[in-house]
Amino acid sequence: MPTADDVKSSWADEVELEGGALPPPTEVRENGFKILTEYKYGDDNKKTKIVRTYKIEKRIVSKSIALRKTWAKFGESADDKPGPNPATTIGGEDVYMQYVTSKEEDNKVEEDGLDKLKLVAADKAVVKCRTCNGDHWTSKCPWKDTALASAKTVDGEKKTPQIQAQAGDSTIKSMTNKYLPPNMRGDGAAKRIDNAGMSGARRDDAIAIRVSNLSDSTTDADLEELVKPFGPVNKLYLAKEKQTGQCRGFGYVHFKFRNDAVKAIATLNGHGYDHLILNVDWSKPNTHSNQ
């Protein structure tokens, strides 16, 4: 009669014992590292042990990121612990963004501009005191209440007529070395220079034109653009309302050359501009100022 020792196990049991089941994965946390150990069969049908080591870091994140970490997992990861599971989660590569311009470069450009302004101000003072010629405002001068300020004022009042007379004499002497009549000497020379300046102003008025019948929306830039093609202009004046600032319908243009003014009158008089017909003529001299 066969005994229990003589009974042999089945072939299926022997194959299972030889191959054996794979051990379950293990996870160990120590010294700030997480060590994950897994087992699987390789290409040659042999058991392979895989050990992954993760370094645990603590970071301060925004509230929205912290809230997303508390969401419940789903699908095959429904029963997983916090953190990614390599079996169901694949982590992508980190993508670093490179900005074309940075705030540091913008700030550097602004600082360079300020440094240049400081250097220019150091070489040449923008503000000059009239009392002590220092690089500060006259109202903030430490010497404004002293004798220096009063002496400056008195000297300035005394020198002003002398300087004007000397300027007149030097101008006349440079013109000729011949006999000068009394009206060309001293104060008379200064008066003649002033009269020459007034005659220059009258000559400037002689080549001025008056542009009328302008619309209320006309601006200084519009008037300049209108007369710019005819030649260089010394000055422009557009009459405006004091309260509203709108155009009063007319303006004056002082040309540098009379021929340019003639061409402007011939071209713009009767010209349609902003749904209106312009009226352009020579400006009449102001007789009130001469009386």
C-alpha atoms as a PDB file:
ATOM      1  CA  MET A   1       0.000   0.000   0.000  1.00  0.00           C
ATOM      2  CA  PRO A   2       1.544   3.309  -0.985  1.00  0.00           C
ATOM      3  CA  THR A   3       2.317   5.757   1.824  1.00  0.00           C
ATOM      4  CA  ALA A   4       1.852   9.540   1.855  1.00  0.00           C
ATOM      5  CA  ASP A   5       5.535  10.056   1.110  1.00  0.00           C
ATOM      6  CA  ASP A   6       5.243   8.172  -2.127  1.00  0.00           C
ATOM      7  CA  VAL A   7       2.471  10.454  -3.427  1.00  0.00           C
ATOM      8  CA  LYS A   8       4.007  13.039  -5.784  1.00  0.00           C
ATOM      9  CA  SER A   9       2.663  16.548  -6.425  1.00  0.00           C
ATOM     10  CA  SER A  10       1.040  17.444  -9.702  1.00  0.00           C
ATOM     11  CA  TRP A  11       2.934  18.971 -12.622  1.00  0.00           C
ATOM     12  CA  ALA A  12       1.066  22.266 -12.314  1.00  0.00           C
ATOM     13  CA  ASP A  13       2.051  22.609  -8.658  1.00  0.00           C
ATOM     14  CA  GLU A  14       5.703  21.987  -9.508  1.00  0.00           C
ATOM     15  CA  VAL A  15       5.706  24.727 -12.222  1.00  0.00           C
ATOM     16  CA  GLU A  16       4.127  27.180  -9.798  1.00  0.00           C
ATOM     17  CA  LEU A  17       6.731  26.394  -7.155  1.00  0.00           C
ATOM     18  CA  GLU A  18       9.609  26.764  -9.597  1.00  0.00           C
ATOM     19  CA  GLY A  19       8.392  30.083 -11.024  1.00  0.00           C
ATOM     20  CA  GLY A  20       6.842  31.441  -7.901  1.00  0.00           C
ATOM     21  CA  ALA A  21       4.576  34.522  -7.587  1.00  0.00           C
ATOM     22  CA  LEU A  22       6.076  38.029  -7.776  1.00  0.00           C
ATOM     23  CA  PRO A  23       6.503  39.765  -4.400  1.00  0.00           C
ATOM     24  CA  PRO A  24       4.284  42.809  -3.836  1.00  0.00           C
ATOM     25  CA  PRO A  25       5.828  46.261  -4.277  1.00  0.00           C
ATOM     26  CA  THR A  26       7.195  47.932  -1.174  1.00  0.00           C
ATOM     27  CA  GLU A  27       7.593  51.573  -0.237  1.00  0.00           C
ATOM     28  CA  VAL A  28      10.004  52.883   2.391  1.00  0.00           C
ATOM     29  CA  ARG A  29      10.376  56.489   3.565  1.00  0.00           C
ATOM     30  CA  GLU A  30      13.521  57.503   5.435  1.00  0.00           C
ATOM     31  CA  ASN A  31      15.833  60.553   5.670  1.00  0.00           C
ATOM     32  CA  GLY A  32      13.716  62.590   3.266  1.00  0.00           C
ATOM     33  CA  PHE A  33      13.743  59.905   0.514  1.00  0.00           C
ATOM     34  CA  LYS A  34      11.062  57.555  -0.728  1.00  0.00           C
ATOM     35  CA  ILE A  35      12.356  54.165  -1.934  1.00  0.00           C
ATOM     36  CA  LEU A  36       9.930  52.197  -4.112  1.00  0.00           C
ATOM     37  CA  THR A  37      10.787  48.568  -4.882  1.00  0.00           C
ATOM     38  CA  GLU A  38       8.988  46.541  -7.591  1.00  0.00           C
ATOM     39  CA  TYR A  39       9.434  43.108  -9.198  1.00  0.00           C
ATOM     40  CA  LYS A  40       8.651  41.996 -12.733  1.00  0.00           C
ATOM     41  CA  TYR A  41       9.713  39.500 -15.386  1.00  0.00           C
ATOM     42  CA  GLY A  42      12.248  40.584 -17.944  1.00  0.00           C
ATOM     43  CA  ASP A  43      12.533  39.747 -21.632  1.00  0.00           C
ATOM     44  CA  ASP A  44      14.420  36.515 -20.790  1.00  0.00           C
ATOM     45  CA  ASN A  45      11.614  35.422 -18.458  1.00  0.00           C
ATOM     46  CA  LYS A  46      13.665  36.141 -15.364  1.00  0.00           C
ATOM     47  CA  LYS A  47      12.643  38.039 -12.300  1.00  0.00           C
ATOM     48  CA  THR A  48      13.866  41.631 -12.226  1.00  0.00           C
ATOM     49  CA  LYS A  49      13.984  43.888  -9.202  1.00  0.00           C
ATOM     50  CA  ILE A  50      13.372  47.608  -9.884  1.00  0.00           C
ATOM     51  CA  VAL A  51      14.247  50.159  -7.208  1.00  0.00           C
ATOM     52  CA  ARG A  52      13.193  53.814  -7.622  1.00  0.00           C
ATOM     53  CA  THR A  53      14.426  56.475  -5.216  1.00  0.00           C
ATOM     54  CA  TYR A  54      12.595  59.781  -4.860  1.00  0.00           C
ATOM     55  CA  LYS A  55      13.739  62.819  -2.931  1.00  0.00           C
ATOM     56  CA  ILE A  56      10.952  64.414  -0.938  1.00  0.00           C
ATOM     57  CA  GLU A  57      10.897  68.209  -1.096  1.00  0.00           C
ATOM     58  CA  LYS A  58       8.585  70.649   0.627  1.00  0.00           C
ATOM     59  CA  ARG A  59       7.566  73.673  -1.407  1.00  0.00           C
ATOM     60  CA  ILE A  60       5.282  76.619  -0.790  1.00  0.00           C
ATOM     61  CA  VAL A  61       2.676  76.678  -3.543  1.00  0.00           C
ATOM     62  CA  SER A  62      -0.351  78.804  -4.275  1.00  0.00           C
ATOM     63  CA  LYS A  63      -3.746  78.016  -2.787  1.00  0.00           C
ATOM     64  CA  SER A  64      -5.113  76.795  -6.112  1.00  0.00           C
ATOM     65  CA  ILE A  65      -2.338  74.172  -6.458  1.00  0.00           C
ATOM     66  CA  ALA A  66      -2.828  73.020  -2.864  1.00  0.00           C
ATOM     67  CA  LEU A  67      -6.563  72.702  -3.496  1.00  0.00           C
ATOM     68  CA  ARG A  68      -6.029  70.536  -6.594  1.00  0.00           C
ATOM     69  CA  LYS A  69      -3.900  68.129  -4.542  1.00  0.00           C
ATOM     70  CA  THR A  70      -6.896  67.406  -2.299  1.00  0.00           C
ATOM     71  CA  TRP A  71      -9.114  66.305  -5.190  1.00  0.00           C
ATOM     72  CA  ALA A  72     -10.172  62.658  -5.168  1.00  0.00           C
ATOM     73  CA  LYS A  73      -8.430  60.401  -7.694  1.00  0.00           C
ATOM     74  CA  PHE A  74     -10.435  58.391 -10.200  1.00  0.00           C
ATOM     75  CA  GLY A  75     -10.107  55.518 -12.636  1.00  0.00           C
ATOM     76  CA  GLU A  76      -7.246  53.086 -12.050  1.00  0.00           C
ATOM     77  CA  SER A  77      -5.727  55.502  -9.523  1.00  0.00           C
ATOM     78  CA  ALA A  78      -8.847  55.738  -7.354  1.00  0.00           C
ATOM     79  CA  ASP A  79      -7.210  53.761  -4.516  1.00  0.00           C
ATOM     80  CA  ASP A  80      -3.705  55.234  -4.875  1.00  0.00           C
ATOM     81  CA  LYS A  81      -1.951  57.169  -2.147  1.00  0.00           C
ATOM     82  CA  PRO A  82      -1.088  60.883  -2.498  1.00  0.00           C
ATOM     83  CA  GLY A  83       1.442  61.502  -5.212  1.00  0.00           C
ATOM     84  CA  PRO A  84       1.885  60.077  -8.714  1.00  0.00           C
ATOM     85  CA  ASN A  85       1.727  56.333  -9.291  1.00  0.00           C
ATOM     86  CA  PRO A  86       4.275  55.212 -11.937  1.00  0.00           C
ATOM     87  CA  ALA A  87       1.949  52.407 -12.990  1.00  0.00           C
ATOM     88  CA  THR A  88      -0.808  54.787 -14.062  1.00  0.00           C
ATOM     89  CA  THR A  89       0.846  58.223 -14.278  1.00  0.00           C
ATOM     90  CA  ILE A  90       3.524  59.338 -16.715  1.00  0.00           C
ATOM     91  CA  GLY A  91       5.359  62.519 -15.835  1.00  0.00           C
ATOM     92  CA  GLY A  92       6.392  64.727 -18.760  1.00  0.00           C
ATOM     93  CA  GLU A  93       9.614  66.659 -19.112  1.00  0.00           C
ATOM     94  CA  ASP A  94       9.953  70.070 -17.520  1.00  0.00           C
ATOM     95  CA  VAL A  95       9.486  72.887 -20.019  1.00  0.00           C
ATOM     96  CA  TYR A  96      11.308  76.126 -19.193  1.00  0.00           C
ATOM     97  CA  MET A  97      10.037  79.362 -20.752  1.00  0.00           C
ATOM     98  CA  GLN A  98      12.555  81.923 -21.941  1.00  0.00           C
ATOM     99  CA  TYR A  99      11.218  85.472 -22.193  1.00  0.00           C
ATOM    100  CA  VAL A 100      12.519  87.710 -24.955  1.00  0.00           C
ATOM    101  CA  THR A 101      12.576  90.804 -22.710  1.00  0.00           C
ATOM    102  CA  SER A 102      12.904  90.830 -18.956  1.00  0.00           C
ATOM    103  CA  LYS A 103      12.161  93.439 -16.347  1.00  0.00           C
ATOM    104  CA  GLU A 104      15.841  93.635 -15.454  1.00  0.00           C
ATOM    105  CA  GLU A 105      16.758  94.796 -18.969  1.00  0.00           C
ATOM    106  CA  ASP A 106      13.969  97.404 -18.994  1.00  0.00           C
ATOM    107  CA  ASN A 107      15.084  98.737 -15.629  1.00  0.00           C
ATOM    108  CA  LYS A 108      18.689  98.799 -16.836  1.00  0.00           C
ATOM    109  CA  VAL A 109      17.716 100.944 -19.833  1.00  0.00           C
ATOM    110  CA  GLU A 110      15.867 103.405 -17.601  1.00  0.00           C
ATOM    111  CA  GLU A 111      18.802 103.555 -15.195  1.00  0.00           C
ATOM    112  CA  ASP A 112      21.201 104.249 -18.075  1.00  0.00           C
ATOM    113  CA  GLY A 113      19.007 107.154 -19.203  1.00  0.00           C
ATOM    114  CA  LEU A 114      18.923 108.590 -15.677  1.00  0.00           C
ATOM    115  CA  ASP A 115      22.694 108.248 -15.363  1.00  0.00           C
ATOM    116  CA  LYS A 116      23.199 110.167 -18.617  1.00  0.00           C
ATOM    117  CA  LEU A 117      20.902 112.938 -17.411  1.00  0.00           C
ATOM    118  CA  LYS A 118      22.827 113.124 -14.153  1.00  0.00           C
ATOM    119  CA  LEU A 119      26.124 113.407 -16.028  1.00  0.00           C
ATOM    120  CA  VAL A 120      24.745 116.168 -18.254  1.00  0.00           C
ATOM    121  CA  ALA A 121      23.408 118.013 -15.228  1.00  0.00           C
ATOM    122  CA  ALA A 122      26.803 117.666 -13.529  1.00  0.00           C
ATOM    123  CA  ASP A 123      28.644 119.106 -16.530  1.00  0.00           C
ATOM    124  CA  LYS A 124      26.209 121.941 -17.144  1.00  0.00           C
ATOM    125  CA  ALA A 125      23.870 123.122 -14.419  1.00  0.00           C
ATOM    126  CA  VAL A 126      20.283 123.479 -15.589  1.00  0.00           C
ATOM    127  CA  VAL A 127      19.316 125.930 -12.826  1.00  0.00           C
ATOM    128  CA  LYS A 128      21.350 129.040 -12.062  1.00  0.00           C
ATOM    129  CA  CYS A 129      20.780 131.453  -9.213  1.00  0.00           C
ATOM    130  CA  ARG A 130      20.638 135.164 -10.134  1.00  0.00           C
ATOM    131  CA  THR A 131      22.059 136.162  -6.745  1.00  0.00           C
ATOM    132  CA  CYS A 132      25.147 133.990  -6.284  1.00  0.00           C
ATOM    133  CA  ASN A 133      25.268 132.144  -9.672  1.00  0.00           C
ATOM    134  CA  GLY A 134      24.887 128.806  -7.877  1.00  0.00           C
ATOM    135  CA  ASP A 135      23.142 125.691  -9.196  1.00  0.00           C
ATOM    136  CA  HIS A 136      19.870 126.256  -7.311  1.00  0.00           C
ATOM    137  CA  TRP A 137      16.719 128.334  -7.604  1.00  0.00           C
ATOM    138  CA  THR A 138      16.935 132.038  -6.765  1.00  0.00           C
ATOM    139  CA  SER A 139      14.076 131.711  -4.266  1.00  0.00           C
ATOM    140  CA  LYS A 140      16.049 129.049  -2.356  1.00  0.00           C
ATOM    141  CA  CYS A 141      19.352 130.919  -2.332  1.00  0.00           C
ATOM    142  CA  PRO A 142      20.913 131.062   1.170  1.00  0.00           C
ATOM    143  CA  TRP A 143      22.235 134.581   0.386  1.00  0.00           C
ATOM    144  CA  LYS A 144      18.912 136.097  -0.766  1.00  0.00           C
ATOM    145  CA  ASP A 145      18.349 138.023   2.501  1.00  0.00           C
ATOM    146  CA  THR A 146      21.930 139.271   2.812  1.00  0.00           C
ATOM    147  CA  ALA A 147      23.795 142.314   1.482  1.00  0.00           C
ATOM    148  CA  LEU A 148      24.896 140.325  -1.550  1.00  0.00           C
ATOM    149  CA  ALA A 149      21.371 140.245  -2.980  1.00  0.00           C
ATOM    150  CA  SER A 150      20.793 143.968  -2.469  1.00  0.00           C
ATOM    151  CA  ALA A 151      24.174 144.801  -4.019  1.00  0.00           C
ATOM    152  CA  LYS A 152      23.326 142.684  -7.061  1.00  0.00           C
ATOM    153  CA  THR A 153      20.045 144.568  -7.515  1.00  0.00           C
ATOM    154  CA  VAL A 154      21.607 148.015  -7.266  1.00  0.00           C
ATOM    155  CA  ASP A 155      24.449 147.112  -9.620  1.00  0.00           C
ATOM    156  CA  GLY A 156      22.008 145.710 -12.138  1.00  0.00           C
ATOM    157  CA  GLU A 157      19.911 148.880 -12.131  1.00  0.00           C
ATOM    158  CA  LYS A 158      23.017 151.060 -12.599  1.00  0.00           C
ATOM    159  CA  LYS A 159      24.567 148.949 -15.336  1.00  0.00           C
ATOM    160  CA  THR A 160      21.455 148.563 -17.494  1.00  0.00           C
ATOM    161  CA  PRO A 161      21.406 152.058 -19.109  1.00  0.00           C
ATOM    162  CA  GLN A 162      25.206 152.067 -19.364  1.00  0.00           C
ATOM    163  CA  ILE A 163      25.219 148.733 -21.170  1.00  0.00           C
ATOM    164  CA  GLN A 164      22.555 149.941 -23.587  1.00  0.00           C
ATOM    165  CA  ALA A 165      24.482 153.120 -24.356  1.00  0.00           C
ATOM    166  CA  GLN A 166      27.741 151.215 -24.824  1.00  0.00           C
ATOM    167  CA  ALA A 167      25.994 148.781 -27.138  1.00  0.00           C
ATOM    168  CA  GLY A 168      24.657 151.654 -29.205  1.00  0.00           C
ATOM    169  CA  ASP A 169      28.047 153.370 -29.395  1.00  0.00           C
ATOM    170  CA  SER A 170      29.872 150.168 -30.329  1.00  0.00           C
ATOM    171  CA  THR A 171      27.312 149.461 -33.050  1.00  0.00           C
ATOM    172  CA  ILE A 172      27.658 152.921 -34.546  1.00  0.00           C
ATOM    173  CA  LYS A 173      31.476 152.878 -34.319  1.00  0.00           C
ATOM    174  CA  SER A 174      31.617 149.553 -36.086  1.00  0.00           C
ATOM    175  CA  MET A 175      29.511 151.001 -38.899  1.00  0.00           C
ATOM    176  CA  THR A 176      31.776 153.991 -39.688  1.00  0.00           C
ATOM    177  CA  ASN A 177      34.672 156.050 -38.411  1.00  0.00           C
ATOM    178  CA  LYS A 178      33.479 159.261 -40.032  1.00  0.00           C
ATOM    179  CA  TYR A 179      31.758 162.247 -38.469  1.00  0.00           C
ATOM    180  CA  LEU A 180      28.571 161.352 -36.582  1.00  0.00           C
ATOM    181  CA  PRO A 181      25.757 163.837 -36.093  1.00  0.00           C
ATOM    182  CA  PRO A 182      24.389 164.336 -32.556  1.00  0.00           C
ATOM    183  CA  ASN A 183      21.304 162.199 -33.216  1.00  0.00           C
ATOM    184  CA  MET A 184      23.583 159.257 -33.960  1.00  0.00           C
ATOM    185  CA  ARG A 185      25.489 159.481 -30.689  1.00  0.00           C
ATOM    186  CA  GLY A 186      24.620 157.924 -27.295  1.00  0.00           C
ATOM    187  CA  ASP A 187      20.865 157.784 -26.615  1.00  0.00           C
ATOM    188  CA  GLY A 188      20.104 158.879 -30.178  1.00  0.00           C
ATOM    189  CA  ALA A 189      21.852 155.800 -31.537  1.00  0.00           C
ATOM    190  CA  ALA A 190      19.868 153.548 -29.188  1.00  0.00           C
ATOM    191  CA  LYS A 191      16.618 155.177 -30.345  1.00  0.00           C
ATOM    192  CA  ARG A 192      17.559 154.611 -33.982  1.00  0.00           C
ATOM    193  CA  ILE A 193      18.256 150.945 -33.202  1.00  0.00           C
ATOM    194  CA  ASP A 194      14.833 150.655 -31.545  1.00  0.00           C
ATOM    195  CA  ASN A 195      13.238 152.322 -34.561  1.00  0.00           C
ATOM    196  CA  ALA A 196      15.044 149.874 -36.826  1.00  0.00           C
ATOM    197  CA  GLY A 197      13.575 147.024 -34.797  1.00  0.00           C
ATOM    198  CA  MET A 198      10.106 148.511 -35.136  1.00  0.00           C
ATOM    199  CA  SER A 199      10.586 148.867 -38.885  1.00  0.00           C
ATOM    200  CA  GLY A 200      11.590 145.181 -38.983  1.00  0.00           C
ATOM    201  CA  ALA A 201       8.354 144.311 -37.218  1.00  0.00           C
ATOM    202  CA  ARG A 202       6.436 146.393 -39.761  1.00  0.00           C
ATOM    203  CA  ARG A 203       8.205 144.554 -42.578  1.00  0.00           C
ATOM    204  CA  ASP A 204       7.145 141.287 -40.941  1.00  0.00           C
ATOM    205  CA  ASP A 205       3.542 142.511 -40.907  1.00  0.00           C
ATOM    206  CA  ALA A 206       3.849 143.515 -44.567  1.00  0.00           C
ATOM    207  CA  ILE A 207       4.205 139.865 -45.655  1.00  0.00           C
ATOM    208  CA  ALA A 208       1.437 138.550 -43.394  1.00  0.00           C
ATOM    209  CA  ILE A 209      -1.828 137.208 -44.772  1.00  0.00           C
ATOM    210  CA  ARG A 210      -5.239 136.827 -43.139  1.00  0.00           C
ATOM    211  CA  VAL A 211      -7.125 133.543 -43.603  1.00  0.00           C
ATOM    212  CA  SER A 212     -10.812 133.813 -42.740  1.00  0.00           C
ATOM    213  CA  ASN A 213     -13.997 131.722 -42.956  1.00  0.00           C
ATOM    214  CA  LEU A 214     -12.366 128.817 -41.123  1.00  0.00           C
ATOM    215  CA  SER A 215     -14.504 126.196 -39.396  1.00  0.00           C
ATOM    216  CA  ASP A 216     -14.819 125.949 -35.601  1.00  0.00           C
ATOM    217  CA  SER A 217     -12.866 122.675 -35.542  1.00  0.00           C
ATOM    218  CA  THR A 218      -9.734 124.149 -37.168  1.00  0.00           C
ATOM    219  CA  THR A 219      -6.546 123.840 -35.072  1.00  0.00           C
ATOM    220  CA  ASP A 220      -3.062 125.347 -35.242  1.00  0.00           C
ATOM    221  CA  ALA A 221      -1.779 122.148 -36.843  1.00  0.00           C
ATOM    222  CA  ASP A 222      -4.473 122.360 -39.530  1.00  0.00           C
ATOM    223  CA  LEU A 223      -3.533 125.956 -40.370  1.00  0.00           C
ATOM    224  CA  GLU A 224       0.162 125.060 -40.498  1.00  0.00           C
ATOM    225  CA  GLU A 225      -0.528 122.110 -42.791  1.00  0.00           C
ATOM    226  CA  LEU A 226      -2.643 124.345 -45.045  1.00  0.00           C
ATOM    227  CA  VAL A 227       0.107 126.943 -45.695  1.00  0.00           C
ATOM    228  CA  LYS A 228       3.190 124.729 -45.377  1.00  0.00           C
ATOM    229  CA  PRO A 229       3.449 123.853 -49.123  1.00  0.00           C
ATOM    230  CA  PHE A 230       3.942 127.523 -50.103  1.00  0.00           C
ATOM    231  CA  GLY A 231       7.187 128.215 -48.228  1.00  0.00           C
ATOM    232  CA  PRO A 232       8.812 128.840 -44.828  1.00  0.00           C
ATOM    233  CA  VAL A 233       6.671 130.553 -42.195  1.00  0.00           C
ATOM    234  CA  ASN A 234       7.924 132.774 -39.378  1.00  0.00           C
ATOM    235  CA  LYS A 235       4.858 132.499 -37.152  1.00  0.00           C
ATOM    236  CA  LEU A 236       1.205 131.524 -37.091  1.00  0.00           C
ATOM    237  CA  TYR A 237      -1.721 132.855 -35.118  1.00  0.00           C
ATOM    238  CA  LEU A 238      -5.168 131.258 -34.930  1.00  0.00           C
ATOM    239  CA  ALA A 239      -7.868 133.266 -33.147  1.00  0.00           C
ATOM    240  CA  LYS A 240      -9.650 131.151 -30.500  1.00  0.00           C
ATOM    241  CA  GLU A 241     -12.439 131.554 -27.998  1.00  0.00           C
ATOM    242  CA  LYS A 242     -11.101 132.019 -24.449  1.00  0.00           C
ATOM    243  CA  GLN A 243     -13.638 129.738 -22.769  1.00  0.00           C
ATOM    244  CA  THR A 244     -14.151 126.945 -25.306  1.00  0.00           C
ATOM    245  CA  GLY A 245     -10.837 127.119 -27.173  1.00  0.00           C
ATOM    246  CA  GLN A 246     -12.597 126.771 -30.522  1.00  0.00           C
ATOM    247  CA  CYS A 247     -11.493 128.629 -33.631  1.00  0.00           C
ATOM    248  CA  ARG A 248     -13.100 132.051 -34.134  1.00  0.00           C
ATOM    249  CA  GLY A 249     -12.994 131.652 -37.899  1.00  0.00           C
ATOM    250  CA  PHE A 250      -9.804 133.479 -38.857  1.00  0.00           C
ATOM    251  CA  GLY A 251      -6.037 133.403 -38.446  1.00  0.00           C
ATOM    252  CA  TYR A 252      -2.820 135.126 -39.527  1.00  0.00           C
ATOM    253  CA  VAL A 253       0.228 133.658 -41.270  1.00  0.00           C
ATOM    254  CA  HIS A 254       3.572 135.503 -41.423  1.00  0.00           C
ATOM    255  CA  PHE A 255       5.664 134.211 -44.314  1.00  0.00           C
ATOM    256  CA  LYS A 256       9.417 134.626 -44.553  1.00  0.00           C
ATOM    257  CA  PHE A 257       9.326 135.698 -48.194  1.00  0.00           C
ATOM    258  CA  ARG A 258       6.764 137.897 -49.937  1.00  0.00           C
ATOM    259  CA  ASN A 259       6.632 135.701 -53.053  1.00  0.00           C
ATOM    260  CA  ASP A 260       5.446 132.771 -50.931  1.00  0.00           C
ATOM    261  CA  ALA A 261       2.666 134.923 -49.463  1.00  0.00           C
ATOM    262  CA  VAL A 262       1.570 135.953 -52.969  1.00  0.00           C
ATOM    263  CA  LYS A 263       1.364 132.315 -54.057  1.00  0.00           C
ATOM    264  CA  ALA A 264      -0.631 131.395 -50.935  1.00  0.00           C
ATOM    265  CA  ILE A 265      -3.195 134.168 -51.573  1.00  0.00           C
ATOM    266  CA  ALA A 266      -3.583 133.239 -55.231  1.00  0.00           C
ATOM    267  CA  THR A 267      -4.072 129.548 -54.439  1.00  0.00           C
ATOM    268  CA  LEU A 268      -6.100 129.542 -51.205  1.00  0.00           C
ATOM    269  CA  ASN A 269      -8.472 132.450 -51.862  1.00  0.00           C
ATOM    270  CA  GLY A 270     -11.777 130.828 -52.837  1.00  0.00           C
ATOM    271  CA  HIS A 271     -10.438 127.362 -52.046  1.00  0.00           C
ATOM    272  CA  GLY A 272     -12.864 124.879 -50.470  1.00  0.00           C
ATOM    273  CA  TYR A 273     -11.696 123.722 -47.048  1.00  0.00           C
ATOM    274  CA  ASP A 274     -13.728 121.732 -44.521  1.00  0.00           C
ATOM    275  CA  HIS A 275     -17.051 122.397 -46.358  1.00  0.00           C
ATOM    276  CA  LEU A 276     -16.344 126.157 -46.396  1.00  0.00           C
ATOM    277  CA  ILE A 277     -14.867 128.603 -48.925  1.00  0.00           C
ATOM    278  CA  LEU A 278     -11.722 130.311 -47.640  1.00  0.00           C
ATOM    279  CA  ASN A 279     -11.183 134.040 -47.894  1.00  0.00           C
ATOM    280  CA  VAL A 280      -7.457 134.898 -48.024  1.00  0.00           C
ATOM    281  CA  ASP A 281      -6.047 138.412 -48.360  1.00  0.00           C
ATOM    282  CA  TRP A 282      -3.205 140.607 -47.136  1.00  0.00           C
ATOM    283  CA  SER A 283      -3.265 141.393 -43.436  1.00  0.00           C
ATOM    284  CA  LYS A 284      -4.014 145.039 -42.713  1.00  0.00           C
ATOM    285  CA  PRO A 285      -1.593 146.769 -40.302  1.00  0.00           C
ATOM    286  CA  ASN A 286      -2.834 147.490 -36.811  1.00  0.00           C
ATOM    287  CA  THR A 287      -3.184 151.286 -36.610  1.00  0.00           C
ATOM    288  CA  HIS A 288      -4.240 151.330 -32.954  1.00  0.00           C
ATOM    289  CA  SER A 289      -0.788 150.432 -31.692  1.00  0.00           C
ATOM    290  CA  ASN A 290       0.821 153.396 -33.496  1.00  0.00           C
ATOM    291  CA  GLN A 291      -1.493 156.010 -32.029  1.00  0.00           C
END
